[in-house]
């Protein structure tokens, strides 16, 4: 049995990962980045400078 709130904590961690990855490559428009990655989550793995 999983702990209550586990999924929401995992989603928050993924959100922080996306924000951090975008900042690492110099992008500052966080809202646009979150929208972009929500539509194409696999793109996060190919963000320049991360892999």
N, C-alpha and C. Protein backbone atom coordinates (compact mmCIF):
# COMPACT_ATOMS: atom_id res chain seq x y z
N UNK A 1 0.85 -1.19 0.00
CA UNK A 1 0.00 0.00 0.00
C UNK A 1 0.89 1.25 0.00
N UNK A 2 0.55 2.19 -0.82
CA UNK A 2 1.38 3.40 -0.89
C UNK A 2 0.88 4.44 0.10
N UNK A 3 1.78 5.31 0.45
CA UNK A 3 1.47 6.39 1.39
C UNK A 3 0.56 7.42 0.74
N UNK A 4 -0.32 8.04 1.50
CA UNK A 4 -1.15 9.12 0.93
C UNK A 4 -0.28 10.30 0.51
N UNK A 5 -0.56 10.85 -0.63
CA UNK A 5 0.19 12.01 -1.11
C UNK A 5 1.44 11.68 -1.88
N UNK A 6 1.72 10.41 -2.08
CA UNK A 6 2.94 10.02 -2.80
C UNK A 6 2.93 10.53 -4.23
N UNK A 7 1.81 10.40 -4.90
CA UNK A 7 1.73 10.85 -6.29
C UNK A 7 1.92 12.36 -6.40
N UNK A 8 1.33 13.10 -5.49
CA UNK A 8 1.48 14.56 -5.56
C UNK A 8 2.92 14.98 -5.27
N UNK A 9 3.60 14.27 -4.39
CA UNK A 9 5.00 14.58 -4.13
C UNK A 9 5.87 14.25 -5.34
N UNK A 10 5.55 13.15 -6.02
CA UNK A 10 6.30 12.78 -7.22
C UNK A 10 6.10 13.82 -8.32
N UNK A 11 4.88 14.29 -8.49
CA UNK A 11 4.61 15.30 -9.51
C UNK A 11 5.33 16.61 -9.17
N UNK A 12 5.37 16.97 -7.89
CA UNK A 12 6.08 18.18 -7.49
C UNK A 12 7.57 18.05 -7.77
N UNK A 13 8.12 16.86 -7.55
CA UNK A 13 9.54 16.63 -7.83
C UNK A 13 9.81 16.75 -9.32
N UNK A 14 8.93 16.21 -10.16
CA UNK A 14 9.11 16.33 -11.61
C UNK A 14 9.01 17.78 -12.06
N UNK A 15 8.11 18.51 -11.46
CA UNK A 15 7.97 19.94 -11.79
C UNK A 15 9.25 20.70 -11.45
N UNK A 16 9.81 20.42 -10.28
CA UNK A 16 11.07 21.07 -9.89
C UNK A 16 12.21 20.67 -10.82
N UNK A 17 12.18 19.42 -11.28
CA UNK A 17 13.21 18.96 -12.22
C UNK A 17 13.13 19.74 -13.53
N UNK A 18 11.94 19.93 -14.05
CA UNK A 18 11.76 20.67 -15.29
C UNK A 18 12.21 22.12 -15.11
N UNK A 19 11.81 22.74 -14.02
CA UNK A 19 12.20 24.13 -13.76
C UNK A 19 13.72 24.25 -13.66
N UNK A 20 14.34 23.34 -12.93
CA UNK A 20 15.79 23.37 -12.79
C UNK A 20 16.52 23.14 -14.10
N UNK A 21 16.01 22.20 -14.90
CA UNK A 21 16.64 21.92 -16.20
C UNK A 21 16.56 23.13 -17.11
N UNK A 22 15.42 23.80 -17.12
CA UNK A 22 15.27 24.98 -17.98
C UNK A 22 16.19 26.10 -17.50
N UNK A 23 16.34 26.26 -16.21
CA UNK A 23 17.24 27.31 -15.71
C UNK A 23 18.70 26.99 -16.03
N UNK A 24 19.06 25.71 -16.00
CA UNK A 24 20.43 25.32 -16.32
C UNK A 24 20.83 25.71 -17.73
N UNK A 25 19.88 25.66 -18.66
CA UNK A 25 20.20 26.00 -20.04
C UNK A 25 19.89 27.46 -20.35
N UNK A 26 19.57 28.25 -19.31
CA UNK A 26 19.44 29.69 -19.49
C UNK A 26 18.05 30.20 -19.80
N UNK A 27 17.06 29.36 -19.72
CA UNK A 27 15.70 29.82 -20.00
C UNK A 27 15.05 30.30 -18.72
N UNK A 28 14.41 31.45 -18.79
CA UNK A 28 13.84 32.04 -17.58
C UNK A 28 12.32 32.08 -17.59
N UNK A 29 11.68 31.80 -18.73
CA UNK A 29 10.22 31.81 -18.78
C UNK A 29 9.70 30.45 -18.31
N UNK A 30 9.54 30.32 -17.00
CA UNK A 30 9.20 29.05 -16.39
C UNK A 30 7.81 28.57 -16.82
N UNK A 31 6.83 29.46 -16.89
CA UNK A 31 5.47 29.06 -17.27
C UNK A 31 5.44 28.46 -18.68
N UNK A 32 6.12 29.09 -19.60
CA UNK A 32 6.17 28.57 -20.97
C UNK A 32 6.87 27.21 -21.01
N UNK A 33 7.89 27.06 -20.22
CA UNK A 33 8.61 25.79 -20.17
C UNK A 33 7.75 24.67 -19.61
N UNK A 34 7.00 24.96 -18.58
CA UNK A 34 6.12 23.95 -18.01
C UNK A 34 5.04 23.54 -19.00
N UNK A 35 4.51 24.51 -19.72
CA UNK A 35 3.50 24.18 -20.74
C UNK A 35 4.11 23.32 -21.83
N UNK A 36 5.31 23.66 -22.26
CA UNK A 36 5.97 22.92 -23.32
C UNK A 36 6.22 21.47 -22.89
N UNK A 37 6.78 21.29 -21.71
CA UNK A 37 7.10 19.94 -21.24
C UNK A 37 5.86 19.14 -20.88
N UNK A 38 4.78 19.80 -20.52
CA UNK A 38 3.53 19.08 -20.25
C UNK A 38 3.02 18.43 -21.53
N UNK A 39 3.20 19.10 -22.65
CA UNK A 39 2.75 18.55 -23.92
C UNK A 39 3.71 17.53 -24.52
N UNK A 40 4.97 17.55 -24.09
CA UNK A 40 5.98 16.66 -24.65
C UNK A 40 7.00 16.32 -23.57
N UNK A 41 6.64 15.47 -22.59
CA UNK A 41 7.54 15.19 -21.48
C UNK A 41 8.86 14.53 -21.88
N UNK A 42 8.88 13.80 -22.99
CA UNK A 42 10.12 13.15 -23.42
C UNK A 42 11.18 14.18 -23.81
N UNK A 43 10.76 15.39 -24.20
CA UNK A 43 11.71 16.43 -24.60
C UNK A 43 12.64 16.81 -23.46
N UNK A 44 12.18 16.68 -22.23
CA UNK A 44 13.02 17.02 -21.08
C UNK A 44 14.32 16.24 -21.11
N UNK A 45 14.24 14.98 -21.55
CA UNK A 45 15.43 14.13 -21.57
C UNK A 45 16.45 14.56 -22.62
N UNK A 46 15.99 15.33 -23.60
CA UNK A 46 16.90 15.77 -24.66
C UNK A 46 17.19 17.25 -24.60
N UNK A 47 16.84 17.90 -23.49
CA UNK A 47 17.12 19.33 -23.34
C UNK A 47 18.63 19.55 -23.46
N UNK A 48 19.03 20.44 -24.33
CA UNK A 48 20.47 20.68 -24.53
C UNK A 48 21.18 21.00 -23.21
N UNK A 49 22.33 20.40 -23.03
CA UNK A 49 23.12 20.63 -21.85
C UNK A 49 22.80 19.71 -20.70
N UNK A 50 21.78 18.88 -20.81
CA UNK A 50 21.41 17.99 -19.72
C UNK A 50 21.95 16.59 -19.97
N UNK A 51 21.85 16.08 -21.20
CA UNK A 51 22.29 14.71 -21.46
C UNK A 51 23.68 14.70 -22.04
